Amino acid sequence: MLDEARCILKLPEKATLDQIKLAYRAMALRYHPDKCPSEECERMMRKINEAYELLMSFCQNYLYVFRVENTLHEEDWEDWLERFYPDF
């Protein structure tokens, strides 16, 4: 699903968040119903929106997991305090 979304937005395999946003905006301008009133453009716009939402959701979930995994746990914090500030 992610590969399909990436292909719809014509993104490289390792796209940055900025690249995803720029690609979405460019594709949305091209296929927006106000600029291209055909049914084909409407279908393509739906695909573009779905692809963008999927990729952004994946990025947000990844960032959340990354932040949670790299957050100091309470025990780590207490160990750190004890080591560097034993009189605290």
PDB file of N, CA and C in Angstrom:
ATOM      1  N   MET A   1       0.807  -1.192   0.000  1.00  0.00           N
ATOM      2  CA  MET A   1       0.000   0.000   0.000  1.00  0.00           C
ATOM      3  C   MET A   1       0.856   1.264   0.000  1.00  0.00           C
ATOM      4  N   LEU A   2       1.924   1.273   0.777  1.00  0.00           N
ATOM      5  CA  LEU A   2       2.790   2.454   0.814  1.00  0.00           C
ATOM      6  C   LEU A   2       3.481   2.670  -0.528  1.00  0.00           C
ATOM      7  N   ASP A   3       3.901   1.567  -1.162  1.00  0.00           N
ATOM      8  CA  ASP A   3       4.543   1.695  -2.473  1.00  0.00           C
ATOM      9  C   ASP A   3       3.575   2.254  -3.504  1.00  0.00           C
ATOM     10  N   GLU A   4       2.331   1.796  -3.446  1.00  0.00           N
ATOM     11  CA  GLU A   4       1.319   2.301  -4.379  1.00  0.00           C
ATOM     12  C   GLU A   4       1.077   3.795  -4.146  1.00  0.00           C
ATOM     13  N   ALA A   5       0.982   4.187  -2.886  1.00  0.00           N
ATOM     14  CA  ALA A   5       0.782   5.602  -2.554  1.00  0.00           C
ATOM     15  C   ALA A   5       1.967   6.433  -3.034  1.00  0.00           C
ATOM     16  N   ARG A   6       3.158   5.908  -2.847  1.00  0.00           N
ATOM     17  CA  ARG A   6       4.369   6.601  -3.287  1.00  0.00           C
ATOM     18  C   ARG A   6       4.376   6.768  -4.806  1.00  0.00           C
ATOM     19  N   CYS A   7       3.940   5.730  -5.516  1.00  0.00           N
ATOM     20  CA  CYS A   7       3.892   5.790  -6.981  1.00  0.00           C
ATOM     21  C   CYS A   7       2.839   6.781  -7.472  1.00  0.00           C
ATOM     22  N   ILE A   8       1.699   6.824  -6.813  1.00  0.00           N
ATOM     23  CA  ILE A   8       0.644   7.762  -7.210  1.00  0.00           C
ATOM     24  C   ILE A   8       1.162   9.194  -7.139  1.00  0.00           C
ATOM     25  N   LEU A   9       1.916   9.502  -6.088  1.00  0.00           N
ATOM     26  CA  LEU A   9       2.463  10.853  -5.932  1.00  0.00           C
ATOM     27  C   LEU A   9       3.804  11.028  -6.647  1.00  0.00           C
ATOM     28  N   LYS A  10       4.258   9.962  -7.333  1.00  0.00           N
ATOM     29  CA  LYS A  10       5.506   9.986  -8.108  1.00  0.00           C
ATOM     30  C   LYS A  10       6.700  10.383  -7.239  1.00  0.00           C
ATOM     31  N   LEU A  11       6.794   9.712  -6.103  1.00  0.00           N
ATOM     32  CA  LEU A  11       7.853   9.997  -5.141  1.00  0.00           C
ATOM     33  C   LEU A  11       8.977   8.975  -5.257  1.00  0.00           C
ATOM     34  N   PRO A  12      10.207   9.375  -4.908  1.00  0.00           N
ATOM     35  CA  PRO A  12      11.296   8.401  -4.843  1.00  0.00           C
ATOM     36  C   PRO A  12      11.081   7.446  -3.670  1.00  0.00           C
ATOM     37  N   GLU A  13      11.838   6.376  -3.650  1.00  0.00           N
ATOM     38  CA  GLU A  13      11.668   5.362  -2.607  1.00  0.00           C
ATOM     39  C   GLU A  13      11.873   5.936  -1.208  1.00  0.00           C
ATOM     40  N   LYS A  14      12.824   6.832  -1.057  1.00  0.00           N
ATOM     41  CA  LYS A  14      13.094   7.430   0.254  1.00  0.00           C
ATOM     42  C   LYS A  14      12.779   8.920   0.189  1.00  0.00           C
ATOM     43  N   ALA A  15      11.505   9.246   0.252  1.00  0.00           N
ATOM     44  CA  ALA A  15      11.063  10.640   0.157  1.00  0.00           C
ATOM     45  C   ALA A  15      11.023  11.277   1.539  1.00  0.00           C
ATOM     46  N   THR A  16      11.349  12.543   1.575  1.00  0.00           N
ATOM     47  CA  THR A  16      11.257  13.292   2.826  1.00  0.00           C
ATOM     48  C   THR A  16       9.829  13.807   2.997  1.00  0.00           C
ATOM     49  N   LEU A  17       9.550  14.297   4.179  1.00  0.00           N
ATOM     50  CA  LEU A  17       8.240  14.876   4.460  1.00  0.00           C
ATOM     51  C   LEU A  17       7.973  16.066   3.535  1.00  0.00           C
ATOM     52  N   ASP A  18       8.980  16.884   3.314  1.00  0.00           N
ATOM     53  CA  ASP A  18       8.823  18.031   2.410  1.00  0.00           C
ATOM     54  C   ASP A  18       8.548  17.581   0.978  1.00  0.00           C
ATOM     55  N   GLN A  19       9.210  16.527   0.532  1.00  0.00           N
ATOM     56  CA  GLN A  19       8.970  16.008  -0.811  1.00  0.00           C
ATOM     57  C   GLN A  19       7.542  15.486  -0.952  1.00  0.00           C
ATOM     58  N   ILE A  20       7.050  14.830   0.082  1.00  0.00           N
ATOM     59  CA  ILE A  20       5.678  14.315   0.053  1.00  0.00           C
ATOM     60  C   ILE A  20       4.696  15.476  -0.079  1.00  0.00           C
ATOM     61  N   LYS A  21       4.894  16.507   0.730  1.00  0.00           N
ATOM     62  CA  LYS A  21       3.990  17.669   0.695  1.00  0.00           C
ATOM     63  C   LYS A  21       4.045  18.380  -0.652  1.00  0.00           C
ATOM     64  N   LEU A  22       5.247  18.575  -1.186  1.00  0.00           N
ATOM     65  CA  LEU A  22       5.388  19.248  -2.481  1.00  0.00           C
ATOM     66  C   LEU A  22       4.753  18.439  -3.606  1.00  0.00           C
ATOM     67  N   ALA A  23       4.966  17.133  -3.585  1.00  0.00           N
ATOM     68  CA  ALA A  23       4.381  16.274  -4.617  1.00  0.00           C
ATOM     69  C   ALA A  23       2.858  16.310  -4.546  1.00  0.00           C
ATOM     70  N   TYR A  24       2.333  16.265  -3.336  1.00  0.00           N
ATOM     71  CA  TYR A  24       0.876  16.325  -3.169  1.00  0.00           C
ATOM     72  C   TYR A  24       0.325  17.635  -3.725  1.00  0.00           C
ATOM     73  N   ARG A  25       0.950  18.734  -3.377  1.00  0.00           N
ATOM     74  CA  ARG A  25       0.459  20.041  -3.845  1.00  0.00           C
ATOM     75  C   ARG A  25       0.507  20.145  -5.367  1.00  0.00           C
ATOM     76  N   ALA A  26       1.590  19.659  -5.952  1.00  0.00           N
ATOM     77  CA  ALA A  26       1.720  19.711  -7.410  1.00  0.00           C
ATOM     78  C   ALA A  26       0.644  18.860  -8.089  1.00  0.00           C
ATOM     79  N   MET A  27       0.446  17.651  -7.574  1.00  0.00           N
ATOM     80  CA  MET A  27      -0.565  16.763  -8.163  1.00  0.00           C
ATOM     81  C   MET A  27      -1.971  17.312  -7.926  1.00  0.00           C
ATOM     82  N   ALA A  28      -2.207  17.878  -6.750  1.00  0.00           N
ATOM     83  CA  ALA A  28      -3.527  18.432  -6.434  1.00  0.00           C
ATOM     84  C   ALA A  28      -3.844  19.609  -7.352  1.00  0.00           C
ATOM     85  N   LEU A  29      -2.858  20.440  -7.640  1.00  0.00           N
ATOM     86  CA  LEU A  29      -3.083  21.554  -8.563  1.00  0.00           C
ATOM     87  C   LEU A  29      -3.432  21.050  -9.961  1.00  0.00           C
ATOM     88  N   ARG A  30      -2.760  20.004 -10.355  1.00  0.00           N
ATOM     89  CA  ARG A  30      -2.978  19.470 -11.708  1.00  0.00           C
ATOM     90  C   ARG A  30      -4.345  18.812 -11.853  1.00  0.00           C
ATOM     91  N   TYR A  31      -4.772  18.060 -10.845  1.00  0.00           N
ATOM     92  CA  TYR A  31      -5.997  17.266 -10.962  1.00  0.00           C
ATOM     93  C   TYR A  31      -7.183  17.828 -10.183  1.00  0.00           C
ATOM     94  N   HIS A  32      -7.051  19.004  -9.610  1.00  0.00           N
ATOM     95  CA  HIS A  32      -8.150  19.586  -8.836  1.00  0.00           C
ATOM     96  C   HIS A  32      -9.383  19.752  -9.727  1.00  0.00           C
ATOM     97  N   PRO A  33     -10.566  19.418  -9.213  1.00  0.00           N
ATOM     98  CA  PRO A  33     -11.800  19.501 -10.015  1.00  0.00           C
ATOM     99  C   PRO A  33     -12.065  20.888 -10.614  1.00  0.00           C
ATOM    100  N   ASP A  34     -11.597  21.940  -9.977  1.00  0.00           N
ATOM    101  CA  ASP A  34     -11.783  23.281 -10.539  1.00  0.00           C
ATOM    102  C   ASP A  34     -10.925  23.502 -11.785  1.00  0.00           C
ATOM    103  N   LYS A  35      -9.794  22.826 -11.855  1.00  0.00           N
ATOM    104  CA  LYS A  35      -8.891  22.976 -13.003  1.00  0.00           C
ATOM    105  C   LYS A  35      -9.146  21.923 -14.072  1.00  0.00           C
ATOM    106  N   CYS A  36      -9.655  20.784 -13.646  1.00  0.00           N
ATOM    107  CA  CYS A  36      -9.850  19.652 -14.555  1.00  0.00           C
ATOM    108  C   CYS A  36     -11.187  18.989 -14.196  1.00  0.00           C
ATOM    109  N   PRO A  37     -12.276  19.414 -14.827  1.00  0.00           N
ATOM    110  CA  PRO A  37     -13.604  18.962 -14.399  1.00  0.00           C
ATOM    111  C   PRO A  37     -14.030  17.556 -14.860  1.00  0.00           C
ATOM    112  N   SER A  38     -13.150  16.782 -15.465  1.00  0.00           N
ATOM    113  CA  SER A  38     -13.555  15.455 -15.950  1.00  0.00           C
ATOM    114  C   SER A  38     -13.660  14.439 -14.813  1.00  0.00           C
ATOM    115  N   GLU A  39     -14.365  13.348 -15.085  1.00  0.00           N
ATOM    116  CA  GLU A  39     -14.498  12.273 -14.085  1.00  0.00           C
ATOM    117  C   GLU A  39     -13.153  11.609 -13.811  1.00  0.00           C
ATOM    118  N   GLU A  40     -12.328  11.503 -14.838  1.00  0.00           N
ATOM    119  CA  GLU A  40     -11.003  10.903 -14.670  1.00  0.00           C
ATOM    120  C   GLU A  40     -10.167  11.719 -13.680  1.00  0.00           C
ATOM    121  N   CYS A  41     -10.232  13.023 -13.787  1.00  0.00           N
ATOM    122  CA  CYS A  41      -9.501  13.890 -12.851  1.00  0.00           C
ATOM    123  C   CYS A  41     -10.061  13.757 -11.442  1.00  0.00           C
ATOM    124  N   GLU A  42     -11.367  13.611 -11.340  1.00  0.00           N
ATOM    125  CA  GLU A  42     -11.987  13.444 -10.022  1.00  0.00           C
ATOM    126  C   GLU A  42     -11.517  12.145  -9.368  1.00  0.00           C
ATOM    127  N   ARG A  43     -11.459  11.068 -10.157  1.00  0.00           N
ATOM    128  CA  ARG A  43     -10.966   9.778  -9.633  1.00  0.00           C
ATOM    129  C   ARG A  43      -9.499   9.893  -9.221  1.00  0.00           C
ATOM    130  N   MET A  44      -8.730  10.566 -10.059  1.00  0.00           N
ATOM    131  CA  MET A  44      -7.305  10.721  -9.755  1.00  0.00           C
ATOM    132  C   MET A  44      -7.116  11.561  -8.497  1.00  0.00           C
ATOM    133  N   MET A  45      -7.933  12.587  -8.331  1.00  0.00           N
ATOM    134  CA  MET A  45      -7.828  13.437  -7.141  1.00  0.00           C
ATOM    135  C   MET A  45      -8.134  12.631  -5.885  1.00  0.00           C
ATOM    136  N   ARG A  46      -9.108  11.729  -5.972  1.00  0.00           N
ATOM    137  CA  ARG A  46      -9.407  10.862  -4.819  1.00  0.00           C
ATOM    138  C   ARG A  46      -8.204   9.988  -4.487  1.00  0.00           C
ATOM    139  N   LYS A  47      -7.575   9.426  -5.518  1.00  0.00           N
ATOM    140  CA  LYS A  47      -6.391   8.585  -5.302  1.00  0.00           C
ATOM    141  C   LYS A  47      -5.250   9.401  -4.687  1.00  0.00           C
ATOM    142  N   ILE A  48      -5.071  10.609  -5.177  1.00  0.00           N
ATOM    143  CA  ILE A  48      -4.019  11.490  -4.662  1.00  0.00           C
ATOM    144  C   ILE A  48      -4.267  11.789  -3.189  1.00  0.00           C
ATOM    145  N   ASN A  49      -5.495  12.132  -2.846  1.00  0.00           N
ATOM    146  CA  ASN A  49      -5.836  12.424  -1.445  1.00  0.00           C
ATOM    147  C   ASN A  49      -5.624  11.209  -0.553  1.00  0.00           C
ATOM    148  N   GLU A  50      -6.055  10.036  -1.021  1.00  0.00           N
ATOM    149  CA  GLU A  50      -5.886   8.807  -0.234  1.00  0.00           C
ATOM    150  C   GLU A  50      -4.409   8.488  -0.050  1.00  0.00           C
ATOM    151  N   ALA A  51      -3.624   8.640  -1.113  1.00  0.00           N
ATOM    152  CA  ALA A  51      -2.187   8.361  -1.035  1.00  0.00           C
ATOM    153  C   ALA A  51      -1.513   9.303  -0.042  1.00  0.00           C
ATOM    154  N   TYR A  52      -1.850  10.566  -0.129  1.00  0.00           N
ATOM    155  CA  TYR A  52      -1.268  11.560   0.773  1.00  0.00           C
ATOM    156  C   TYR A  52      -1.641  11.262   2.224  1.00  0.00           C
ATOM    157  N   GLU A  53      -2.905  10.981   2.469  1.00  0.00           N
ATOM    158  CA  GLU A  53      -3.352  10.679   3.834  1.00  0.00           C
ATOM    159  C   GLU A  53      -2.646   9.443   4.382  1.00  0.00           C
ATOM    160  N   LEU A  54      -2.489   8.423   3.551  1.00  0.00           N
ATOM    161  CA  LEU A  54      -1.812   7.199   3.983  1.00  0.00           C
ATOM    162  C   LEU A  54      -0.352   7.479   4.332  1.00  0.00           C
ATOM    163  N   LEU A  55       0.343   8.179   3.460  1.00  0.00           N
ATOM    164  CA  LEU A  55       1.755   8.473   3.712  1.00  0.00           C
ATOM    165  C   LEU A  55       1.944   9.368   4.934  1.00  0.00           C
ATOM    166  N   MET A  56       1.092  10.362   5.083  1.00  0.00           N
ATOM    167  CA  MET A  56       1.207  11.253   6.239  1.00  0.00           C
ATOM    168  C   MET A  56       0.872  10.512   7.535  1.00  0.00           C
ATOM    169  N   SER A  57      -0.104   9.636   7.482  1.00  0.00           N
ATOM    170  CA  SER A  57      -0.454   8.836   8.659  1.00  0.00           C
ATOM    171  C   SER A  57       0.720   7.943   9.055  1.00  0.00           C
ATOM    172  N   PHE A  58       1.348   7.321   8.062  1.00  0.00           N
ATOM    173  CA  PHE A  58       2.512   6.476   8.315  1.00  0.00           C
ATOM    174  C   PHE A  58       3.632   7.303   8.949  1.00  0.00           C
ATOM    175  N   CYS A  59       3.881   8.487   8.411  1.00  0.00           N
ATOM    176  CA  CYS A  59       4.941   9.356   8.951  1.00  0.00           C
ATOM    177  C   CYS A  59       4.642   9.765  10.386  1.00  0.00           C
ATOM    178  N   GLN A  60       3.407  10.121  10.661  1.00  0.00           N
ATOM    179  CA  GLN A  60       3.042  10.528  12.021  1.00  0.00           C
ATOM    180  C   GLN A  60       3.193   9.367  12.994  1.00  0.00           C
ATOM    181  N   ASN A  61       2.773   8.170  12.585  1.00  0.00           N
ATOM    182  CA  ASN A  61       2.914   6.998  13.452  1.00  0.00           C
ATOM    183  C   ASN A  61       4.385   6.677  13.685  1.00  0.00           C
ATOM    184  N   TYR A  62       5.194   6.788  12.638  1.00  0.00           N
ATOM    185  CA  TYR A  62       6.624   6.520  12.760  1.00  0.00           C
ATOM    186  C   TYR A  62       7.266   7.508  13.731  1.00  0.00           C
ATOM    187  N   LEU A  63       6.945   8.790  13.575  1.00  0.00           N
ATOM    188  CA  LEU A  63       7.516   9.799  14.470  1.00  0.00           C
ATOM    189  C   LEU A  63       7.088   9.568  15.905  1.00  0.00           C
ATOM    190  N   TYR A  64       5.831   9.167  16.106  1.00  0.00           N
ATOM    191  CA  TYR A  64       5.339   8.901  17.461  1.00  0.00           C
ATOM    192  C   TYR A  64       6.120   7.751  18.087  1.00  0.00           C
ATOM    193  N   VAL A  65       6.266   6.659  17.355  1.00  0.00           N
ATOM    194  CA  VAL A  65       6.993   5.492  17.874  1.00  0.00           C
ATOM    195  C   VAL A  65       8.443   5.869  18.138  1.00  0.00           C
ATOM    196  N   PHE A  66       9.044   6.614  17.223  1.00  0.00           N
ATOM    197  CA  PHE A  66      10.435   7.026  17.383  1.00  0.00           C
ATOM    198  C   PHE A  66      10.602   7.866  18.650  1.00  0.00           C
ATOM    199  N   ARG A  67       9.706   8.801  18.876  1.00  0.00           N
ATOM    200  CA  ARG A  67       9.806   9.654  20.061  1.00  0.00           C
ATOM    201  C   ARG A  67       9.590   8.860  21.338  1.00  0.00           C
ATOM    202  N   VAL A  68       8.610   7.965  21.337  1.00  0.00           N
ATOM    203  CA  VAL A  68       8.318   7.166  22.532  1.00  0.00           C
ATOM    204  C   VAL A  68       9.500   6.265  22.856  1.00  0.00           C
ATOM    205  N   GLU A  69      10.088   5.631  21.839  1.00  0.00           N
ATOM    206  CA  GLU A  69      11.202   4.721  22.083  1.00  0.00           C
ATOM    207  C   GLU A  69      12.456   5.458  22.542  1.00  0.00           C
ATOM    208  N   ASN A  70      12.594   6.709  22.171  1.00  0.00           N
ATOM    209  CA  ASN A  70      13.795   7.460  22.528  1.00  0.00           C
ATOM    210  C   ASN A  70      13.602   8.389  23.715  1.00  0.00           C
ATOM    211  N   THR A  71      12.492   8.277  24.384  1.00  0.00           N
ATOM    212  CA  THR A  71      12.222   9.083  25.566  1.00  0.00           C
ATOM    213  C   THR A  71      12.825   8.393  26.780  1.00  0.00           C
ATOM    214  N   LEU A  72      13.410   9.183  27.659  1.00  0.00           N
ATOM    215  CA  LEU A  72      13.945   8.603  28.890  1.00  0.00           C
ATOM    216  C   LEU A  72      12.805   8.054  29.737  1.00  0.00           C
ATOM    217  N   HIS A  73      12.979   6.846  30.190  1.00  0.00           N
ATOM    218  CA  HIS A  73      12.002   6.267  31.109  1.00  0.00           C
ATOM    219  C   HIS A  73      12.318   6.769  32.517  1.00  0.00           C
ATOM    220  N   GLU A  74      11.368   6.667  33.394  1.00  0.00           N
ATOM    221  CA  GLU A  74      11.542   7.202  34.747  1.00  0.00           C
ATOM    222  C   GLU A  74      12.756   6.578  35.434  1.00  0.00           C
ATOM    223  N   GLU A  75      12.952   5.279  35.251  1.00  0.00           N
ATOM    224  CA  GLU A  75      14.095   4.613  35.890  1.00  0.00           C
ATOM    225  C   GLU A  75      15.404   5.163  35.336  1.00  0.00           C
ATOM    226  N   ASP A  76      15.461   5.387  34.008  1.00  0.00           N
ATOM    227  CA  ASP A  76      16.664   5.940  33.396  1.00  0.00           C
ATOM    228  C   ASP A  76      16.949   7.332  33.947  1.00  0.00           C
ATOM    229  N   TRP A  77      15.908   8.107  34.099  1.00  0.00           N
ATOM    230  CA  TRP A  77      16.034   9.460  34.628  1.00  0.00           C
ATOM    231  C   TRP A  77      16.584   9.421  36.045  1.00  0.00           C
ATOM    232  N   GLU A  78      16.072   8.524  36.870  1.00  0.00           N
ATOM    233  CA  GLU A  78      16.547   8.414  38.252  1.00  0.00           C
ATOM    234  C   GLU A  78      18.001   7.964  38.292  1.00  0.00           C
ATOM    235  N   ASP A  79      18.383   7.020  37.440  1.00  0.00           N
ATOM    236  CA  ASP A  79      19.778   6.580  37.367  1.00  0.00           C
ATOM    237  C   ASP A  79      20.693   7.735  36.958  1.00  0.00           C
ATOM    238  N   TRP A  80      20.250   8.499  35.985  1.00  0.00           N
ATOM    239  CA  TRP A  80      21.027   9.636  35.508  1.00  0.00           C
ATOM    240  C   TRP A  80      21.217  10.653  36.627  1.00  0.00           C
ATOM    241  N   LEU A  81      20.148  10.977  37.328  1.00  0.00           N
ATOM    242  CA  LEU A  81      20.241  11.924  38.447  1.00  0.00           C
ATOM    243  C   LEU A  81      21.195  11.413  39.520  1.00  0.00           C
ATOM    244  N   GLU A  82      21.079  10.138  39.843  1.00  0.00           N
ATOM    245  CA  GLU A  82      21.920   9.559  40.895  1.00  0.00           C
ATOM    246  C   GLU A  82      23.391   9.588  40.492  1.00  0.00           C
ATOM    247  N   ARG A  83      23.678   9.330  39.234  1.00  0.00           N
ATOM    248  CA  ARG A  83      25.054   9.284  38.785  1.00  0.00           C
ATOM    249  C   ARG A  83      25.686  10.677  38.741  1.00  0.00           C
ATOM    250  N   PHE A  84      24.961  11.651  38.242  1.00  0.00           N
ATOM    251  CA  PHE A  84      25.533  12.981  38.059  1.00  0.00           C
ATOM    252  C   PHE A  84      25.255  13.943  39.210  1.00  0.00           C
ATOM    253  N   TYR A  85      24.225  13.673  39.967  1.00  0.00           N
ATOM    254  CA  TYR A  85      23.874  14.530  41.108  1.00  0.00           C
ATOM    255  C   TYR A  85      23.553  13.651  42.317  1.00  0.00           C
ATOM    256  N   PRO A  86      24.573  13.014  42.891  1.00  0.00           N
ATOM    257  CA  PRO A  86      24.313  12.065  43.981  1.00  0.00           C
ATOM    258  C   PRO A  86      23.689  12.702  45.222  1.00  0.00           C
ATOM    259  N   ASP A  87      23.898  13.987  45.426  1.00  0.00           N
ATOM    260  CA  ASP A  87      23.342  14.648  46.608  1.00  0.00           C
ATOM    261  C   ASP A  87      21.944  15.203  46.375  1.00  0.00           C
ATOM    262  N   PHE A  88      21.426  15.043  45.211  1.00  0.00           N
ATOM    263  CA  PHE A  88      20.126  15.617  44.866  1.00  0.00           C
ATOM    264  C   PHE A  88      19.030  14.910  45.550  1.00  0.00           C
TER     265      PHE A  88
END
